[in-house]
Amino acid sequence: MLQFRIDEERCIQCGECALDCPAGVIAMDGYPKITDEAGCFQCQHCLAICPTAAVSILGKDPEVSTVLQGNLPDPAQLATLIKGRRAVRRYRDRDLAPELIDHLLAVSCHAPTGVNARSVLFTVVRERAVMHRLREYLMDRLVTLKDLGGLPQGFVGQYLGWTAKAWQEEGKDILFRGAPHLLITSAPADAPCPTQDALIALTTFQLLAHGHGVGTVWDGICMMALGVCPEVTGKLGIPENHTLGYAMAFGDPAVEYQRTVQRGPALVNVVKW
């Protein structure tokens, strides 16, 4: 049941909820009503757009939502956050507060998904002790593969060989850069846009994390390692029917950047039809 409810004392019958419904399943009959419950995307556009907080759906109380007016970030500060984001490869040897990790994930699940599938799974390593065991396992596997000549040819094999050698000879962690935490996003392979959904969710997590002073790095070497050690995906609890988006190592940064870099101009192709 959608639990679509209209507070008739608040509703001004403006019709905005019906006009904005992506599925087209709200009609005005004096007050708004659902015409096809099965066709609803459960996107909550109706709850979000109502100017008087008269619409409730899925049991959600509109009064619990954050009012947008006066609460959105300053555009200039948001631009600085985007331009000032750095890939962090040095981390302090301590866990982030569990409450902060929970907050980052709770907000990141608001990232858009194709057809509002909302099926992205956030697989997270919350504790350094778990990260240490994962690091030891993967490094041991990579060293064994390197020594036996079992790494793939080309770019991937070169990077993984370099990673294994650095660990073997120097105890240097190139795989996770010493980060105490790891996040992997995935989605069911039969979702409309599994890869795109997972990447958008991870990007959302990253920007919010940097806003909280948390360092992150897109971990391509981890993805390569998972490719040659496929059993690890199952050990992490990721379902077999999921498509992996990407991995991101994160934690309390041991480095502080002082200014934005200077890039551009953007490569822009203006369409002239």
C-alpha atoms as a PDB file:
ATOM      1  CA  MET A   1       0.000   0.000   0.000  1.00  0.00           C
ATOM      2  CA  LEU A   2       1.230   3.480  -0.886  1.00  0.00           C
ATOM      3  CA  GLN A   3      -0.518   5.110   2.069  1.00  0.00           C
ATOM      4  CA  PHE A   4      -1.204   8.172  -0.068  1.00  0.00           C
ATOM      5  CA  ARG A   5      -2.896  10.685   2.230  1.00  0.00           C
ATOM      6  CA  ILE A   6      -4.067  14.270   1.717  1.00  0.00           C
ATOM      7  CA  ASP A   7      -4.551  16.659   4.613  1.00  0.00           C
ATOM      8  CA  GLU A   8      -7.624  18.422   3.252  1.00  0.00           C
ATOM      9  CA  GLU A   9      -7.282  21.244   5.759  1.00  0.00           C
ATOM     10  CA  ARG A  10      -3.862  22.069   4.296  1.00  0.00           C
ATOM     11  CA  CYS A  11      -4.399  21.184   0.629  1.00  0.00           C
ATOM     12  CA  ILE A  12      -5.024  24.231  -1.600  1.00  0.00           C
ATOM     13  CA  GLN A  13      -5.841  22.044  -4.622  1.00  0.00           C
ATOM     14  CA  CYS A  14      -3.088  23.627  -6.696  1.00  0.00           C
ATOM     15  CA  GLY A  15      -2.493  20.421  -8.642  1.00  0.00           C
ATOM     16  CA  GLU A  16       1.308  20.627  -8.477  1.00  0.00           C
ATOM     17  CA  CYS A  17       1.598  17.052  -7.229  1.00  0.00           C
ATOM     18  CA  ALA A  18      -0.399  15.772 -10.212  1.00  0.00           C
ATOM     19  CA  LEU A  19       1.532  17.898 -12.720  1.00  0.00           C
ATOM     20  CA  ASP A  20       4.926  16.828 -11.369  1.00  0.00           C
ATOM     21  CA  CYS A  21       4.234  13.095 -10.953  1.00  0.00           C
ATOM     22  CA  PRO A  22       6.769  11.329 -13.256  1.00  0.00           C
ATOM     23  CA  ALA A  23       4.563   8.240 -13.476  1.00  0.00           C
ATOM     24  CA  GLY A  24       1.426  10.249 -14.175  1.00  0.00           C
ATOM     25  CA  VAL A  25      -0.584   8.361 -11.573  1.00  0.00           C
ATOM     26  CA  ILE A  26      -1.974  11.342  -9.636  1.00  0.00           C
ATOM     27  CA  ALA A  27      -5.171  12.998 -10.806  1.00  0.00           C
ATOM     28  CA  MET A  28      -7.174  15.889  -9.399  1.00  0.00           C
ATOM     29  CA  ASP A  29     -10.682  14.984  -8.299  1.00  0.00           C
ATOM     30  CA  GLY A  30     -11.223  17.986  -6.114  1.00  0.00           C
ATOM     31  CA  TYR A  31      -8.284  16.746  -4.069  1.00  0.00           C
ATOM     32  CA  PRO A  32      -5.374  14.666  -5.449  1.00  0.00           C
ATOM     33  CA  LYS A  33      -5.846  10.928  -5.715  1.00  0.00           C
ATOM     34  CA  ILE A  34      -3.780   7.985  -6.936  1.00  0.00           C
ATOM     35  CA  THR A  35      -5.156   6.390 -10.107  1.00  0.00           C
ATOM     36  CA  ASP A  36      -2.730   3.451 -10.349  1.00  0.00           C
ATOM     37  CA  GLU A  37      -0.860   2.336  -7.237  1.00  0.00           C
ATOM     38  CA  ALA A  38       1.146  -0.276  -9.139  1.00  0.00           C
ATOM     39  CA  GLY A  39       2.441   2.397 -11.519  1.00  0.00           C
ATOM     40  CA  CYS A  40       3.806   4.657  -8.779  1.00  0.00           C
ATOM     41  CA  PHE A  41       7.619   5.057  -8.824  1.00  0.00           C
ATOM     42  CA  GLN A  42       7.625   5.817  -5.073  1.00  0.00           C
ATOM     43  CA  CYS A  43       9.844   8.826  -5.792  1.00  0.00           C
ATOM     44  CA  GLN A  44       8.052  11.108  -3.294  1.00  0.00           C
ATOM     45  CA  HIS A  45       7.948  14.021  -5.756  1.00  0.00           C
ATOM     46  CA  CYS A  46       4.402  14.667  -4.586  1.00  0.00           C
ATOM     47  CA  LEU A  47       5.528  15.003  -0.972  1.00  0.00           C
ATOM     48  CA  ALA A  48       8.468  17.217  -1.958  1.00  0.00           C
ATOM     49  CA  ILE A  49       6.555  19.641  -4.192  1.00  0.00           C
ATOM     50  CA  CYS A  50       3.489  20.301  -2.048  1.00  0.00           C
ATOM     51  CA  PRO A  51       3.665  23.955  -0.930  1.00  0.00           C
ATOM     52  CA  THR A  52       1.582  23.347   2.193  1.00  0.00           C
ATOM     53  CA  ALA A  53       2.946  19.944   3.314  1.00  0.00           C
ATOM     54  CA  ALA A  54      -0.463  18.401   2.713  1.00  0.00           C
ATOM     55  CA  VAL A  55       0.747  15.251   0.937  1.00  0.00           C
ATOM     56  CA  SER A  56       1.905  12.105   2.706  1.00  0.00           C
ATOM     57  CA  ILE A  57       2.953   8.931   0.926  1.00  0.00           C
ATOM     58  CA  LEU A  58       4.552   5.658   2.027  1.00  0.00           C
ATOM     59  CA  GLY A  59       3.778   6.656   5.594  1.00  0.00           C
ATOM     60  CA  LYS A  60       6.170   9.612   5.428  1.00  0.00           C
ATOM     61  CA  ASP A  61       5.350  12.725   7.452  1.00  0.00           C
ATOM     62  CA  PRO A  62       6.167  15.843   5.365  1.00  0.00           C
ATOM     63  CA  GLU A  63       6.935  17.731   8.577  1.00  0.00           C
ATOM     64  CA  VAL A  64       9.945  15.479   9.121  1.00  0.00           C
ATOM     65  CA  SER A  65      11.488  16.521   5.790  1.00  0.00           C
ATOM     66  CA  THR A  66      13.926  19.439   5.628  1.00  0.00           C
ATOM     67  CA  VAL A  67      12.488  22.605   4.123  1.00  0.00           C
ATOM     68  CA  LEU A  68      14.652  23.568   1.129  1.00  0.00           C
ATOM     69  CA  GLN A  69      14.227  27.337   1.245  1.00  0.00           C
ATOM     70  CA  GLY A  70      17.036  28.829   3.305  1.00  0.00           C
ATOM     71  CA  ASN A  71      18.770  25.470   3.799  1.00  0.00           C
ATOM     72  CA  LEU A  72      20.560  24.925   0.479  1.00  0.00           C
ATOM     73  CA  PRO A  73      24.363  25.391   0.287  1.00  0.00           C
ATOM     74  CA  ASP A  74      25.923  28.555  -1.050  1.00  0.00           C
ATOM     75  CA  PRO A  75      26.802  27.967  -4.745  1.00  0.00           C
ATOM     76  CA  ALA A  76      30.276  29.465  -4.392  1.00  0.00           C
ATOM     77  CA  GLN A  77      31.104  27.225  -1.442  1.00  0.00           C
ATOM     78  CA  LEU A  78      29.750  24.200  -3.289  1.00  0.00           C
ATOM     79  CA  ALA A  79      31.982  25.076  -6.257  1.00  0.00           C
ATOM     80  CA  THR A  80      34.973  25.287  -3.910  1.00  0.00           C
ATOM     81  CA  LEU A  81      34.143  21.871  -2.479  1.00  0.00           C
ATOM     82  CA  ILE A  82      34.068  20.364  -5.972  1.00  0.00           C
ATOM     83  CA  LYS A  83      37.243  22.136  -7.125  1.00  0.00           C
ATOM     84  CA  GLY A  84      39.052  21.495  -3.851  1.00  0.00           C
ATOM     85  CA  ARG A  85      38.355  17.778  -3.725  1.00  0.00           C
ATOM     86  CA  ARG A  86      41.577  15.770  -3.778  1.00  0.00           C
ATOM     87  CA  ALA A  87      42.312  12.048  -3.961  1.00  0.00           C
ATOM     88  CA  VAL A  88      43.718  11.370  -0.490  1.00  0.00           C
ATOM     89  CA  ARG A  89      46.488   8.773  -0.269  1.00  0.00           C
ATOM     90  CA  ARG A  90      47.617   9.361   3.342  1.00  0.00           C
ATOM     91  CA  TYR A  91      45.403   8.495   6.305  1.00  0.00           C
ATOM     92  CA  ARG A  92      45.574   8.558  10.075  1.00  0.00           C
ATOM     93  CA  ASP A  93      45.592   5.155  11.724  1.00  0.00           C
ATOM     94  CA  ARG A  94      42.237   5.509  13.465  1.00  0.00           C
ATOM     95  CA  ASP A  95      38.602   4.734  12.802  1.00  0.00           C
ATOM     96  CA  LEU A  96      36.053   7.366  11.922  1.00  0.00           C
ATOM     97  CA  ALA A  97      33.162   7.732  14.343  1.00  0.00           C
ATOM     98  CA  PRO A  98      30.521   5.103  13.475  1.00  0.00           C
ATOM     99  CA  GLU A  99      27.856   7.807  13.649  1.00  0.00           C
ATOM    100  CA  LEU A 100      29.623   9.788  10.919  1.00  0.00           C
ATOM    101  CA  ILE A 101      29.858   6.754   8.628  1.00  0.00           C
ATOM    102  CA  ASP A 102      26.165   6.045   9.213  1.00  0.00           C
ATOM    103  CA  HIS A 103      25.295   9.647   8.372  1.00  0.00           C
ATOM    104  CA  LEU A 104      27.307   9.619   5.141  1.00  0.00           C
ATOM    105  CA  LEU A 105      25.598   6.424   3.999  1.00  0.00           C
ATOM    106  CA  ALA A 106      22.119   7.563   5.057  1.00  0.00           C
ATOM    107  CA  VAL A 107      22.429  10.728   2.977  1.00  0.00           C
ATOM    108  CA  SER A 108      24.144   9.016   0.034  1.00  0.00           C
ATOM    109  CA  CYS A 109      21.212   6.660  -0.447  1.00  0.00           C
ATOM    110  CA  HIS A 110      19.279   9.753  -1.658  1.00  0.00           C
ATOM    111  CA  ALA A 111      21.403   9.735  -4.844  1.00  0.00           C
ATOM    112  CA  PRO A 112      19.319   9.430  -8.024  1.00  0.00           C
ATOM    113  CA  THR A 113      18.812   6.029  -9.643  1.00  0.00           C
ATOM    114  CA  GLY A 114      17.384   4.991 -12.998  1.00  0.00           C
ATOM    115  CA  VAL A 115      13.588   4.577 -12.848  1.00  0.00           C
ATOM    116  CA  ASN A 116      13.941   5.258  -9.110  1.00  0.00           C
ATOM    117  CA  ALA A 117      15.145   1.672  -8.624  1.00  0.00           C
ATOM    118  CA  ARG A 118      16.889   2.577  -5.343  1.00  0.00           C
ATOM    119  CA  SER A 119      18.648  -0.795  -5.285  1.00  0.00           C
ATOM    120  CA  VAL A 120      22.246   0.326  -4.675  1.00  0.00           C
ATOM    121  CA  LEU A 121      23.984  -1.723  -1.991  1.00  0.00           C
ATOM    122  CA  PHE A 122      26.629   0.051   0.115  1.00  0.00           C
ATOM    123  CA  THR A 123      29.179  -2.553   1.259  1.00  0.00           C
ATOM    124  CA  VAL A 124      31.321  -0.861   3.884  1.00  0.00           C
ATOM    125  CA  VAL A 125      34.313  -1.783   6.011  1.00  0.00           C
ATOM    126  CA  ARG A 126      33.615   0.136   9.218  1.00  0.00           C
ATOM    127  CA  GLU A 127      36.582  -0.978  11.352  1.00  0.00           C
ATOM    128  CA  ARG A 128      40.357  -0.910  10.899  1.00  0.00           C
ATOM    129  CA  ALA A 129      40.637  -4.451  12.259  1.00  0.00           C
ATOM    130  CA  VAL A 130      38.420  -5.761   9.450  1.00  0.00           C
ATOM    131  CA  MET A 131      40.292  -3.622   6.918  1.00  0.00           C
ATOM    132  CA  HIS A 132      43.576  -5.085   8.169  1.00  0.00           C
ATOM    133  CA  ARG A 133      42.360  -8.652   7.611  1.00  0.00           C
ATOM    134  CA  LEU A 134      41.056  -7.770   4.141  1.00  0.00           C
ATOM    135  CA  ARG A 135      44.354  -6.078   3.278  1.00  0.00           C
ATOM    136  CA  GLU A 136      46.397  -9.061   4.479  1.00  0.00           C
ATOM    137  CA  TYR A 137      44.268 -11.519   2.513  1.00  0.00           C
ATOM    138  CA  LEU A 138      44.343  -9.601  -0.753  1.00  0.00           C
ATOM    139  CA  MET A 139      48.028  -8.776  -0.514  1.00  0.00           C
ATOM    140  CA  ASP A 140      48.871 -12.422   0.170  1.00  0.00           C
ATOM    141  CA  ARG A 141      46.836 -13.468  -2.878  1.00  0.00           C
ATOM    142  CA  LEU A 142      48.469 -10.844  -5.087  1.00  0.00           C
ATOM    143  CA  VAL A 143      51.984 -11.786  -3.972  1.00  0.00           C
ATOM    144  CA  THR A 144      51.228 -15.460  -4.657  1.00  0.00           C
ATOM    145  CA  LEU A 145      49.835 -14.681  -8.109  1.00  0.00           C
ATOM    146  CA  LYS A 146      52.867 -12.520  -8.897  1.00  0.00           C
ATOM    147  CA  ASP A 147      55.343 -15.168  -7.807  1.00  0.00           C
ATOM    148  CA  LEU A 148      53.538 -17.864  -9.802  1.00  0.00           C
ATOM    149  CA  GLY A 149      53.221 -15.696 -12.902  1.00  0.00           C
ATOM    150  CA  GLY A 150      49.452 -15.724 -12.549  1.00  0.00           C
ATOM    151  CA  LEU A 151      48.764 -12.011 -12.955  1.00  0.00           C
ATOM    152  CA  PRO A 152      47.140 -10.923 -16.225  1.00  0.00           C
ATOM    153  CA  GLN A 153      49.156  -9.379 -19.014  1.00  0.00           C
ATOM    154  CA  GLY A 154      49.135  -5.655 -19.723  1.00  0.00           C
ATOM    155  CA  PHE A 155      48.173  -2.650 -17.645  1.00  0.00           C
ATOM    156  CA  VAL A 156      46.302  -4.512 -14.893  1.00  0.00           C
ATOM    157  CA  GLY A 157      49.064  -7.042 -14.348  1.00  0.00           C
ATOM    158  CA  GLN A 158      51.706  -4.296 -14.224  1.00  0.00           C
ATOM    159  CA  TYR A 159      49.846  -2.329 -11.561  1.00  0.00           C
ATOM    160  CA  LEU A 160      49.016  -5.369  -9.457  1.00  0.00           C
ATOM    161  CA  GLY A 161      52.597  -6.608  -9.752  1.00  0.00           C
ATOM    162  CA  TRP A 162      53.859  -3.213  -8.608  1.00  0.00           C
ATOM    163  CA  THR A 163      51.396  -3.305  -5.706  1.00  0.00           C
ATOM    164  CA  ALA A 164      52.463  -6.793  -4.634  1.00  0.00           C
ATOM    165  CA  LYS A 165      56.180  -5.957  -4.901  1.00  0.00           C
ATOM    166  CA  ALA A 166      55.829  -2.783  -2.806  1.00  0.00           C
ATOM    167  CA  TRP A 167      54.056  -4.774  -0.100  1.00  0.00           C
ATOM    168  CA  GLN A 168      56.534  -7.660  -0.299  1.00  0.00           C
ATOM    169  CA  GLU A 169      59.696  -5.570  -0.184  1.00  0.00           C
ATOM    170  CA  GLU A 170      58.697  -2.413   1.710  1.00  0.00           C
ATOM    171  CA  GLY A 171      55.459  -3.235   3.529  1.00  0.00           C
ATOM    172  CA  LYS A 172      53.926  -0.368   1.577  1.00  0.00           C
ATOM    173  CA  ASP A 173      50.157  -0.415   1.087  1.00  0.00           C
ATOM    174  CA  ILE A 174      49.373   0.793  -2.412  1.00  0.00           C
ATOM    175  CA  LEU A 175      46.165  -1.247  -2.496  1.00  0.00           C
ATOM    176  CA  PHE A 176      44.270   0.805   0.093  1.00  0.00           C
ATOM    177  CA  ARG A 177      46.809   3.578   0.834  1.00  0.00           C
ATOM    178  CA  GLY A 178      46.577   2.798   4.533  1.00  0.00           C
ATOM    179  CA  ALA A 179      42.920   3.877   4.706  1.00  0.00           C
ATOM    180  CA  PRO A 180      40.942   2.465   7.637  1.00  0.00           C
ATOM    181  CA  HIS A 181      37.694   2.097   5.694  1.00  0.00           C
ATOM    182  CA  LEU A 182      36.413   0.895   2.328  1.00  0.00           C
ATOM    183  CA  LEU A 183      33.137   1.391   0.487  1.00  0.00           C
ATOM    184  CA  ILE A 184      32.009  -0.621  -2.542  1.00  0.00           C
ATOM    185  CA  THR A 185      28.762   0.187  -4.307  1.00  0.00           C
ATOM    186  CA  SER A 186      26.856  -2.373  -6.349  1.00  0.00           C
ATOM    187  CA  ALA A 187      23.382  -2.969  -7.697  1.00  0.00           C
ATOM    188  CA  PRO A 188      21.401  -5.931  -9.060  1.00  0.00           C
ATOM    189  CA  ALA A 189      22.470  -6.707 -12.618  1.00  0.00           C
ATOM    190  CA  ASP A 190      18.841  -6.641 -13.737  1.00  0.00           C
ATOM    191  CA  ALA A 191      18.271  -3.096 -12.456  1.00  0.00           C
ATOM    192  CA  PRO A 192      17.664  -0.549 -15.240  1.00  0.00           C
ATOM    193  CA  CYS A 193      21.049   1.187 -14.749  1.00  0.00           C
ATOM    194  CA  PRO A 194      23.143  -0.802 -12.229  1.00  0.00           C
ATOM    195  CA  THR A 195      26.600   0.568 -13.051  1.00  0.00           C
ATOM    196  CA  GLN A 196      25.449   4.166 -13.400  1.00  0.00           C
ATOM    197  CA  ASP A 197      23.411   4.007 -10.189  1.00  0.00           C
ATOM    198  CA  ALA A 198      26.353   2.626  -8.209  1.00  0.00           C
ATOM    199  CA  LEU A 199      28.774   5.253  -9.544  1.00  0.00           C
ATOM    200  CA  ILE A 200      26.373   8.138  -8.872  1.00  0.00           C
ATOM    201  CA  ALA A 201      25.876   6.899  -5.307  1.00  0.00           C
ATOM    202  CA  LEU A 202      29.627   6.685  -4.722  1.00  0.00           C
ATOM    203  CA  THR A 203      30.172  10.180  -6.142  1.00  0.00           C
ATOM    204  CA  THR A 204      27.461  11.498  -3.827  1.00  0.00           C
ATOM    205  CA  PHE A 205      29.171   9.816  -0.873  1.00  0.00           C
ATOM    206  CA  GLN A 206      32.520  11.309  -1.836  1.00  0.00           C
ATOM    207  CA  LEU A 207      31.354  14.913  -2.021  1.00  0.00           C
ATOM    208  CA  LEU A 208      29.504  14.675   1.282  1.00  0.00           C
ATOM    209  CA  ALA A 209      32.503  12.967   2.880  1.00  0.00           C
ATOM    210  CA  HIS A 210      34.825  15.793   1.830  1.00  0.00           C
ATOM    211  CA  GLY A 211      32.321  18.288   3.172  1.00  0.00           C
ATOM    212  CA  HIS A 212      32.809  16.584   6.555  1.00  0.00           C
ATOM    213  CA  GLY A 213      36.603  16.627   6.270  1.00  0.00           C
ATOM    214  CA  VAL A 214      36.814  12.923   5.396  1.00  0.00           C
ATOM    215  CA  GLY A 215      39.407  11.899   2.822  1.00  0.00           C
ATOM    216  CA  THR A 216      38.557   9.531  -0.026  1.00  0.00           C
ATOM    217  CA  VAL A 217      40.249   7.929  -3.008  1.00  0.00           C
ATOM    218  CA  TRP A 218      38.667   6.115  -5.951  1.00  0.00           C
ATOM    219  CA  ASP A 219      40.373   2.746  -5.587  1.00  0.00           C
ATOM    220  CA  GLY A 220      41.063   1.395  -9.047  1.00  0.00           C
ATOM    221  CA  ILE A 221      43.745  -0.980  -7.796  1.00  0.00           C
ATOM    222  CA  CYS A 222      41.215  -2.537  -5.419  1.00  0.00           C
ATOM    223  CA  MET A 223      38.890  -3.077  -8.376  1.00  0.00           C
ATOM    224  CA  MET A 224      41.742  -4.734 -10.283  1.00  0.00           C
ATOM    225  CA  ALA A 225      42.478  -6.954  -7.288  1.00  0.00           C
ATOM    226  CA  LEU A 226      38.830  -8.004  -7.025  1.00  0.00           C
ATOM    227  CA  GLY A 227      38.987  -8.911 -10.704  1.00  0.00           C
ATOM    228  CA  VAL A 228      41.800 -11.425 -10.165  1.00  0.00           C
ATOM    229  CA  CYS A 229      40.498 -12.577  -6.766  1.00  0.00           C
ATOM    230  CA  PRO A 230      36.781 -13.030  -7.525  1.00  0.00           C
ATOM    231  CA  GLU A 231      36.142 -15.043  -4.362  1.00  0.00           C
ATOM    232  CA  VAL A 232      36.632 -11.878  -2.312  1.00  0.00           C
ATOM    233  CA  THR A 233      33.395 -10.336  -3.587  1.00  0.00           C
ATOM    234  CA  GLY A 234      31.425 -13.151  -1.987  1.00  0.00           C
ATOM    235  CA  LYS A 235      33.472 -12.977   1.221  1.00  0.00           C
ATOM    236  CA  LEU A 236      32.506  -9.287   1.446  1.00  0.00           C
ATOM    237  CA  GLY A 237      28.837 -10.270   1.320  1.00  0.00           C
ATOM    238  CA  ILE A 238      28.104  -8.784  -2.102  1.00  0.00           C
ATOM    239  CA  PRO A 239      25.394 -10.854  -3.834  1.00  0.00           C
ATOM    240  CA  GLU A 240      26.380 -12.866  -6.898  1.00  0.00           C
ATOM    241  CA  ASN A 241      23.736 -11.174  -9.026  1.00  0.00           C
ATOM    242  CA  HIS A 242      25.156  -7.698  -8.383  1.00  0.00           C
ATOM    243  CA  THR A 243      27.120  -5.537 -10.782  1.00  0.00           C
ATOM    244  CA  LEU A 244      29.998  -3.753  -9.065  1.00  0.00           C
ATOM    245  CA  GLY A 245      30.152   0.012  -9.407  1.00  0.00           C
ATOM    246  CA  TYR A 246      33.466   0.948  -7.862  1.00  0.00           C
ATOM    247  CA  ALA A 247      35.496   0.901  -4.647  1.00  0.00           C
ATOM    248  CA  MET A 248      36.450   3.901  -2.540  1.00  0.00           C
ATOM    249  CA  ALA A 249      38.908   3.900   0.356  1.00  0.00           C
ATOM    250  CA  PHE A 250      38.236   6.562   2.979  1.00  0.00           C
ATOM    251  CA  GLY A 251      39.159   7.789   6.421  1.00  0.00           C
ATOM    252  CA  ASP A 252      40.629  10.616   8.475  1.00  0.00           C
ATOM    253  CA  PRO A 253      43.200  12.279   6.184  1.00  0.00           C
ATOM    254  CA  ALA A 254      46.795  12.709   7.324  1.00  0.00           C
ATOM    255  CA  VAL A 255      47.217  15.518   4.795  1.00  0.00           C
ATOM    256  CA  GLU A 256      45.614  18.951   4.500  1.00  0.00           C
ATOM    257  CA  TYR A 257      45.331  20.671   1.131  1.00  0.00           C
ATOM    258  CA  GLN A 258      45.400  24.452   1.207  1.00  0.00           C
ATOM    259  CA  ARG A 259      43.820  25.569  -2.062  1.00  0.00           C
ATOM    260  CA  THR A 260      42.053  24.450  -5.211  1.00  0.00           C
ATOM    261  CA  VAL A 261      43.977  23.398  -8.303  1.00  0.00           C
ATOM    262  CA  GLN A 262      43.583  25.215 -11.617  1.00  0.00           C
ATOM    263  CA  ARG A 263      42.083  23.151 -14.410  1.00  0.00           C
ATOM    264  CA  GLY A 264      40.311  23.880 -17.622  1.00  0.00           C
ATOM    265  CA  PRO A 265      39.066  25.079 -19.871  1.00  0.00           C
ATOM    266  CA  ALA A 266      36.391  22.389 -19.984  1.00  0.00           C
ATOM    267  CA  LEU A 267      36.191  20.369 -23.177  1.00  0.00           C
ATOM    268  CA  VAL A 268      32.794  21.436 -24.481  1.00  0.00           C
ATOM    269  CA  ASN A 269      30.989  20.337 -27.614  1.00  0.00           C
ATOM    270  CA  VAL A 270      28.159  22.770 -28.387  1.00  0.00           C
ATOM    271  CA  VAL A 271      25.442  21.111 -30.437  1.00  0.00           C
ATOM    272  CA  LYS A 272      24.267  23.068 -33.482  1.00  0.00           C
ATOM    273  CA  TRP A 273      21.424  21.154 -35.071  1.00  0.00           C
END
